[in-house]
């Protein structure tokens, strides 16, 4: 059993970019790791270099022909017809120099995380969370589906049931599709209703192990806590999971340009801490997030929660401020950035009343799972 939480990352994320105009051209994983170091929270003895998943490991979920196509894409050897077939180089899934090795590292990290927690413990892999990847094609900036591969590694080790909780602003469609008929895995997703991929409706005929919370624009902290406390935590507790996998996409932040949700970063460490108490094994992944300052601060807070640290310090040390001020982000939000992005780790809470639509969503879910 792991006595302390471990952190998996790789330098591949520092040098690799999806392309100059792509939303994922920003620093994310490397920036979060740098910020954790600057806070004095980097676990030198608990840092693990993310391995590159082998094609054979990827075949546990992904079509071998698709994996081969991804390798050829990195070599620049895909035909136009193959690009269409596999959705590589199409629809926001660009071909770039590390188009196989970068997602294969995230996949290898999630597989390793599952192996590491076999006897219990917690592993954080912020590069993970590529929840849109399909068995035989790229989707939604995701070339491989590392959460699925991690969960399959747990199941192959006889660890079940597993609960997957997706906090991304976009529905975790790839993971849901992979396990919607597997009673050993319960998938829960909170996401903005109507946002791409426009799946994850409240009502479906997939049974009680598929649970979705589509929420409206303006979704704020108090509404998040209401869903967490009245629905998610009781449902997870009732499952009595042997392992929990948490996808911590933070594009639901009010500071993020890719959704219309209004969360502060307060909610993520609260959710992760509460969920971790409900199982002996935990894999905590990253996910979406398109404001580098917001992503780094949120993922650093999540690591603090995982590692049992107090991440609520109001003033950042100078080393942490220097890390954030060294980021160059060409976006309208960066033209007049608020001082708190550089001075504080935690956001002011975004509070408000619980809308009737949120209460009705919770009632519908509880009725369907009861």
Protein backbone atom coordinates (compact mmCIF):
# COMPACT_ATOMS: atom_id res chain seq x y z
CA UNK A 1 0.00 0.00 0.00
CA UNK A 2 1.21 3.51 -0.78
CA UNK A 3 1.87 5.24 2.52
CA UNK A 4 1.74 8.71 0.94
CA UNK A 5 0.18 10.15 -2.24
CA UNK A 6 2.37 10.07 -5.34
CA UNK A 7 2.47 12.48 -8.28
CA UNK A 8 3.06 11.33 -11.87
CA UNK A 9 4.19 13.75 -14.59
CA UNK A 10 6.63 14.11 -17.48
CA UNK A 11 8.69 16.77 -19.17
CA UNK A 12 7.03 15.90 -22.49
CA UNK A 13 4.21 18.30 -21.61
CA UNK A 14 6.60 21.24 -21.26
CA UNK A 15 7.97 21.00 -24.78
CA UNK A 16 4.88 19.71 -26.60
CA UNK A 17 2.16 21.93 -28.06
CA UNK A 18 -0.96 21.14 -30.04
CA UNK A 19 -0.33 24.13 -32.30
CA UNK A 20 -0.12 27.90 -31.96
CA UNK A 21 -3.85 28.58 -32.30
CA UNK A 22 -5.18 25.51 -30.50
CA UNK A 23 -6.85 25.96 -27.07
CA UNK A 24 -4.37 23.43 -25.66
CA UNK A 25 -1.33 25.38 -26.84
CA UNK A 26 -1.07 26.76 -23.30
CA UNK A 27 1.17 25.40 -20.51
CA UNK A 28 -0.87 23.29 -18.10
CA UNK A 29 0.74 20.21 -16.57
CA UNK A 30 4.26 21.65 -16.50
CA UNK A 31 2.96 24.92 -15.09
CA UNK A 32 1.03 23.14 -12.33
CA UNK A 33 4.11 21.09 -11.40
CA UNK A 34 6.24 24.25 -11.38
CA UNK A 35 3.73 25.97 -9.13
CA UNK A 36 3.62 23.00 -6.76
CA UNK A 37 7.42 23.17 -6.58
CA UNK A 38 7.33 26.92 -5.96
CA UNK A 39 4.90 26.39 -3.09
CA UNK A 40 7.40 24.00 -1.53
CA UNK A 41 5.01 21.09 -1.97
CA UNK A 42 6.85 19.03 -4.56
CA UNK A 43 7.34 15.48 -3.29
CA UNK A 44 10.84 14.66 -4.55
CA UNK A 45 10.63 11.16 -3.09
CA UNK A 46 7.08 10.66 -4.34
CA UNK A 47 7.43 11.95 -7.89
CA UNK A 48 7.16 9.33 -10.63
CA UNK A 49 8.13 9.85 -14.27
CA UNK A 50 5.20 9.05 -16.52
CA UNK A 51 5.92 6.06 -18.77
CA UNK A 52 4.93 5.79 -22.42
CA UNK A 53 2.23 3.16 -22.87
CA UNK A 54 3.16 0.48 -25.35
CA UNK A 55 0.90 -0.29 -28.30
CA UNK A 56 0.08 -3.60 -26.62
CA UNK A 57 -1.09 -1.80 -23.47
CA UNK A 58 -3.21 0.56 -25.56
CA UNK A 59 -4.84 -2.39 -27.34
CA UNK A 60 -6.57 -3.27 -24.07
CA UNK A 61 -9.10 -0.62 -25.11
CA UNK A 62 -8.10 0.94 -28.43
CA UNK A 63 -8.40 -0.68 -31.85
CA UNK A 64 -4.92 -1.87 -32.96
CA UNK A 65 -5.43 -0.31 -36.38
CA UNK A 66 -6.18 3.04 -34.75
CA UNK A 67 -3.07 2.83 -32.55
CA UNK A 68 -1.01 2.05 -35.64
CA UNK A 69 -2.54 5.05 -37.41
CA UNK A 70 -1.63 7.31 -34.51
CA UNK A 71 1.97 6.12 -34.72
CA UNK A 72 2.01 6.79 -38.45
CA UNK A 73 0.52 10.23 -37.87
CA UNK A 74 3.52 11.13 -35.70
CA UNK A 75 5.75 10.02 -38.55
CA UNK A 76 3.79 12.14 -41.04
CA UNK A 77 2.55 9.12 -42.96
CA UNK A 78 -1.25 9.39 -42.84
CA UNK A 79 -3.26 9.74 -46.03
CA UNK A 80 -6.17 12.17 -46.21
CA UNK A 81 -8.56 9.22 -46.19
CA UNK A 82 -6.94 7.85 -43.03
CA UNK A 83 -7.19 11.24 -41.36
CA UNK A 84 -10.92 11.20 -42.06
CA UNK A 85 -11.27 7.60 -40.89
CA UNK A 86 -9.52 8.07 -37.56
CA UNK A 87 -10.42 11.77 -37.01
CA UNK A 88 -6.71 12.58 -36.68
CA UNK A 89 -5.81 15.99 -38.06
CA UNK A 90 -9.50 16.80 -38.11
CA UNK A 91 -12.03 18.58 -35.87
CA UNK A 92 -9.63 20.02 -33.30
CA UNK A 93 -7.43 16.92 -33.10
CA UNK A 94 -4.27 18.22 -34.78
CA UNK A 95 -1.25 16.31 -35.99
CA UNK A 96 1.77 17.65 -34.11
CA UNK A 97 5.28 16.24 -33.46
CA UNK A 98 4.33 14.22 -30.33
CA UNK A 99 0.84 13.21 -31.42
CA UNK A 100 1.46 9.60 -30.32
CA UNK A 101 4.00 9.96 -27.53
CA UNK A 102 2.24 12.71 -25.59
CA UNK A 103 -1.16 10.96 -25.22
CA UNK A 104 0.61 7.62 -24.81
CA UNK A 105 2.47 9.10 -21.84
CA UNK A 106 -0.80 10.22 -20.25
CA UNK A 107 -2.20 6.74 -20.91
CA UNK A 108 0.88 5.04 -19.50
CA UNK A 109 0.64 7.24 -16.42
CA UNK A 110 -2.97 6.25 -15.74
CA UNK A 111 -2.14 2.57 -16.24
CA UNK A 112 0.79 2.93 -13.85
CA UNK A 113 -1.39 4.82 -11.35
CA UNK A 114 -3.83 1.90 -11.29
CA UNK A 115 -0.98 -0.53 -10.74
CA UNK A 116 0.44 1.62 -7.94
CA UNK A 117 -2.82 1.77 -5.97
CA UNK A 118 -3.50 -1.95 -6.29
CA UNK A 119 -3.02 -2.43 -2.54
CA UNK A 120 -4.40 0.99 -1.61
CA UNK A 121 -3.36 4.62 -1.73
CA UNK A 122 -3.58 7.69 -3.93
CA UNK A 123 -1.90 8.73 -7.17
CA UNK A 124 -2.33 12.09 -8.90
CA UNK A 125 -1.70 12.35 -12.65
CA UNK A 126 -2.72 15.83 -13.83
CA UNK A 127 -1.94 14.98 -17.46
CA UNK A 128 -4.69 12.37 -17.43
CA UNK A 129 -8.39 12.87 -17.88
CA UNK A 130 -8.63 12.62 -21.70
CA UNK A 131 -12.20 11.45 -21.38
CA UNK A 132 -13.47 11.94 -24.95
CA UNK A 133 -11.12 9.48 -26.64
CA UNK A 134 -12.90 6.64 -28.44
CA UNK A 135 -11.82 3.10 -29.09
CA UNK A 136 -11.14 3.77 -32.77
CA UNK A 137 -10.83 7.50 -33.24
CA UNK A 138 -9.71 10.80 -31.73
CA UNK A 139 -12.38 13.05 -30.27
CA UNK A 140 -12.51 16.37 -28.44
CA UNK A 141 -8.74 16.98 -28.33
CA UNK A 142 -8.33 13.44 -26.92
CA UNK A 143 -6.35 10.89 -28.94
CA UNK A 144 -6.43 8.14 -26.32
CA UNK A 145 -8.70 7.54 -23.34
CA UNK A 146 -6.44 7.24 -20.31
CA UNK A 147 -9.27 7.08 -17.72
CA UNK A 148 -10.68 4.00 -19.45
CA UNK A 149 -7.25 2.36 -19.57
CA UNK A 150 -6.70 3.09 -15.89
CA UNK A 151 -10.09 1.70 -14.90
CA UNK A 152 -9.54 -1.42 -17.02
CA UNK A 153 -6.22 -1.95 -15.24
CA UNK A 154 -8.04 -1.85 -11.91
CA UNK A 155 -10.70 -4.27 -13.12
CA UNK A 156 -8.09 -6.64 -14.55
CA UNK A 157 -6.52 -6.76 -11.09
CA UNK A 158 -9.86 -7.81 -9.60
CA UNK A 159 -10.51 -4.39 -8.07
CA UNK A 160 -14.24 -3.66 -8.26
CA UNK A 161 -16.59 -1.92 -8.06
CA UNK A 162 -15.05 1.26 -9.42
CA UNK A 163 -16.65 4.71 -9.38
CA UNK A 164 -15.62 7.30 -11.96
CA UNK A 165 -16.50 10.92 -11.15
CA UNK A 166 -16.10 13.50 -13.92
CA UNK A 167 -15.99 17.17 -12.88
CA UNK A 168 -15.18 18.59 -16.33
CA UNK A 169 -17.50 21.17 -17.91
CA UNK A 170 -17.82 18.76 -20.86
CA UNK A 171 -19.61 15.44 -20.51
CA UNK A 172 -17.31 12.44 -20.05
CA UNK A 173 -18.80 10.66 -23.04
CA UNK A 174 -15.89 8.38 -23.90
CA UNK A 175 -15.70 6.86 -20.43
CA UNK A 176 -19.47 6.50 -20.20
CA UNK A 177 -19.63 4.71 -23.55
CA UNK A 178 -16.81 2.37 -22.56
CA UNK A 179 -18.51 1.20 -19.36
CA UNK A 180 -22.21 1.86 -19.82
CA UNK A 181 -22.96 -1.87 -19.89
CA UNK A 182 -20.44 -2.92 -17.23
CA UNK A 183 -22.10 -3.18 -13.80
CA UNK A 184 -18.69 -3.04 -12.11
CA UNK A 185 -18.23 0.63 -13.04
CA UNK A 186 -20.46 3.54 -12.05
CA UNK A 187 -19.88 6.74 -14.02
CA UNK A 188 -21.00 10.14 -12.70
CA UNK A 189 -20.57 13.35 -14.68
CA UNK A 190 -21.35 16.97 -13.80
CA UNK A 191 -21.23 19.06 -16.96
CA UNK A 192 -22.75 22.04 -18.71
CA UNK A 193 -25.98 21.06 -20.44
CA UNK A 194 -25.91 21.45 -24.20
CA UNK A 195 -22.16 21.99 -24.44
CA UNK A 196 -20.10 19.81 -26.77
CA UNK A 197 -20.28 16.79 -27.10
CA UNK A 198 -23.97 17.49 -26.34
CA UNK A 199 -24.44 14.14 -24.62
CA UNK A 200 -24.98 13.23 -20.99
CA UNK A 201 -28.67 13.98 -20.67
CA UNK A 202 -30.45 13.59 -17.39
CA UNK A 203 -32.83 10.91 -18.66
CA UNK A 204 -31.59 7.76 -20.41
CA UNK A 205 -32.15 4.01 -20.51
CA UNK A 206 -28.62 2.92 -19.61
CA UNK A 207 -29.40 1.77 -16.09
CA UNK A 208 -28.43 2.98 -12.60
CA UNK A 209 -24.66 2.88 -13.10
CA UNK A 210 -24.74 5.77 -15.59
CA UNK A 211 -25.46 9.04 -13.77
CA UNK A 212 -25.41 12.50 -15.31
CA UNK A 213 -25.89 15.95 -13.83
CA UNK A 214 -26.33 18.39 -16.73
CA UNK A 215 -26.31 21.90 -15.25
CA UNK A 216 -27.17 25.31 -16.64
CA UNK A 217 -24.87 28.27 -17.33
CA UNK A 218 -24.07 30.21 -14.20
CA UNK A 219 -23.65 27.04 -12.10
CA UNK A 220 -21.88 28.23 -8.96
CA UNK A 221 -20.24 26.93 -5.80
CA UNK A 222 -23.33 26.50 -3.63
CA UNK A 223 -25.08 24.59 -6.39
CA UNK A 224 -22.02 22.38 -6.83
CA UNK A 225 -21.92 21.62 -3.10
CA UNK A 226 -25.65 20.87 -3.15
CA UNK A 227 -25.21 18.22 -5.86
CA UNK A 228 -22.09 16.86 -4.19
CA UNK A 229 -23.61 16.52 -0.72
CA UNK A 230 -27.17 15.49 -1.55
CA UNK A 231 -26.51 13.19 -4.52
CA UNK A 232 -22.94 12.33 -5.46
CA UNK A 233 -21.52 11.44 -2.05
CA UNK A 234 -24.57 9.34 -0.99
CA UNK A 235 -24.58 7.51 -4.34
CA UNK A 236 -20.85 6.76 -4.14
CA UNK A 237 -21.15 5.67 -0.52
CA UNK A 238 -23.96 3.30 -1.46
CA UNK A 239 -21.78 1.70 -4.17
CA UNK A 240 -19.00 1.06 -1.62
CA UNK A 241 -16.29 1.33 -4.28
CA UNK A 242 -12.99 -0.48 -4.09
CA UNK A 243 -11.51 2.42 -6.08
CA UNK A 244 -12.49 5.92 -7.17
CA UNK A 245 -11.17 7.65 -10.29
CA UNK A 246 -11.75 11.42 -10.31
CA UNK A 247 -11.44 13.47 -13.49
CA UNK A 248 -10.63 17.04 -12.41
CA UNK A 249 -11.22 19.05 -15.54
CA UNK A 250 -11.38 22.66 -14.33
CA UNK A 251 -12.94 24.31 -17.38
CA UNK A 252 -16.04 24.94 -15.28
CA UNK A 253 -14.19 27.75 -13.54
CA UNK A 254 -15.63 31.23 -13.95
CA UNK A 255 -12.19 32.28 -15.23
CA UNK A 256 -12.20 29.68 -18.02
CA UNK A 257 -13.10 30.77 -21.57
CA UNK A 258 -14.53 27.42 -22.72
CA UNK A 259 -17.70 27.16 -20.65
CA UNK A 260 -20.39 29.33 -19.13
CA UNK A 261 -20.16 27.84 -15.67
CA UNK A 262 -19.25 30.07 -12.72
CA UNK A 263 -17.32 27.92 -10.26
CA UNK A 264 -14.46 29.08 -8.08
CA UNK A 265 -11.52 26.78 -7.49
CA UNK A 266 -12.70 26.23 -3.92
CA UNK A 267 -14.99 23.41 -5.04
CA UNK A 268 -12.38 21.01 -6.46
CA UNK A 269 -10.32 20.29 -3.33
CA UNK A 270 -13.55 19.96 -1.35
CA UNK A 271 -14.93 17.39 -3.79
CA UNK A 272 -11.68 15.44 -4.06
CA UNK A 273 -11.21 15.30 -0.28
CA UNK A 274 -14.80 14.16 0.30
CA UNK A 275 -14.64 11.47 -2.39
CA UNK A 276 -11.30 10.12 -1.20
CA UNK A 277 -12.85 9.27 2.15
CA UNK A 278 -15.21 6.80 0.47
CA UNK A 279 -12.71 4.30 -0.96
CA UNK A 280 -9.28 2.82 -0.17
CA UNK A 281 -7.85 3.53 -3.63
CA UNK A 282 -7.86 6.83 -5.54
CA UNK A 283 -6.64 7.98 -8.94
CA UNK A 284 -6.97 11.73 -9.42
CA UNK A 285 -6.61 12.96 -13.00
CA UNK A 286 -6.63 16.31 -14.77
CA UNK A 287 -8.85 17.13 -17.72
CA UNK A 288 -10.06 20.29 -19.40
CA UNK A 289 -8.91 23.78 -18.55
CA UNK A 290 -8.06 26.56 -20.99
CA UNK A 291 -6.83 29.43 -18.83
CA UNK A 292 -3.26 28.53 -17.79
CA UNK A 293 -3.34 30.65 -14.63
CA UNK A 294 -6.64 29.17 -13.49
CA UNK A 295 -5.61 25.60 -14.33
CA UNK A 296 -2.29 25.77 -12.50
CA UNK A 297 -3.83 27.31 -9.38
CA UNK A 298 -6.71 24.82 -9.31
CA UNK A 299 -4.55 21.74 -9.88
CA UNK A 300 -2.10 22.94 -7.24
CA UNK A 301 -5.00 23.23 -4.80
CA UNK A 302 -6.11 19.72 -5.72
CA UNK A 303 -2.62 18.36 -5.02
CA UNK A 304 -2.68 20.19 -1.67
CA UNK A 305 -5.95 18.47 -0.79
CA UNK A 306 -4.64 15.07 -1.88
CA UNK A 307 -1.47 15.52 0.13
CA UNK A 308 -3.27 16.78 3.24
CA UNK A 309 -1.89 20.30 3.00
CA UNK A 310 -3.57 23.62 3.65
CA UNK A 311 -3.92 25.21 0.24
CA UNK A 312 -5.96 28.16 1.43
CA UNK A 313 -3.06 30.53 2.06
CA UNK A 314 -4.13 33.91 0.77
CA UNK A 315 -0.71 35.18 -0.26
CA UNK A 316 1.50 33.31 -2.71
CA UNK A 317 5.25 33.24 -2.01
CA UNK A 318 7.38 35.21 -4.43
CA UNK A 319 8.65 32.08 -6.15
CA UNK A 320 5.06 31.09 -6.99
CA UNK A 321 4.25 34.57 -8.27
CA UNK A 322 7.30 34.46 -10.51
CA UNK A 323 6.13 31.15 -12.00
CA UNK A 324 2.74 32.58 -12.89
CA UNK A 325 4.08 35.91 -14.12
CA UNK A 326 6.36 34.06 -16.51
CA UNK A 327 3.38 32.73 -18.49
CA UNK A 328 2.56 34.31 -21.85
CA UNK A 329 -1.05 33.70 -22.88
CA UNK A 330 -2.48 35.36 -25.96
CA UNK A 331 -6.12 35.66 -25.04
CA UNK A 332 -8.47 38.55 -24.34
CA UNK A 333 -8.75 37.44 -20.71
CA UNK A 334 -5.02 37.95 -20.32
CA UNK A 335 -5.08 41.61 -21.40
CA UNK A 336 -6.22 42.80 -17.97
CA UNK A 337 -5.64 39.86 -15.62
CA UNK A 338 -6.87 40.30 -12.03
CA UNK A 339 -4.19 40.56 -9.37
CA UNK A 340 -5.53 37.49 -7.58
CA UNK A 341 -4.28 35.24 -10.41
CA UNK A 342 -0.75 36.10 -9.27
CA UNK A 343 -1.20 36.88 -5.58
CA UNK A 344 -3.50 34.14 -4.31
CA UNK A 345 -3.91 30.42 -4.82
CA UNK A 346 -7.58 30.25 -3.95
CA UNK A 347 -10.43 32.21 -5.56
CA UNK A 348 -13.12 34.17 -3.75
CA UNK A 349 -16.12 31.81 -3.52
CA UNK A 350 -18.95 32.25 -6.02
CA UNK A 351 -22.06 31.75 -3.94
CA UNK A 352 -25.77 32.04 -4.56
CA UNK A 353 -29.15 30.42 -4.14
CA UNK A 354 -29.88 26.91 -5.39
CA UNK A 355 -31.99 27.14 -8.52
CA UNK A 356 -35.09 25.00 -8.89
CA UNK A 357 -33.59 23.34 -11.97
CA UNK A 358 -30.66 22.07 -9.90
CA UNK A 359 -32.98 20.70 -7.23
CA UNK A 360 -35.07 18.98 -9.89
CA UNK A 361 -31.98 17.42 -11.45
CA UNK A 362 -30.97 15.98 -8.08
CA UNK A 363 -34.48 14.66 -7.46
CA UNK A 364 -34.56 12.99 -10.87
CA UNK A 365 -31.18 11.33 -10.32
CA UNK A 366 -32.05 10.09 -6.85
CA UNK A 367 -35.36 8.70 -8.09
CA UNK A 368 -33.60 6.88 -10.94
CA UNK A 369 -30.88 5.44 -8.70
CA UNK A 370 -33.04 4.71 -5.68
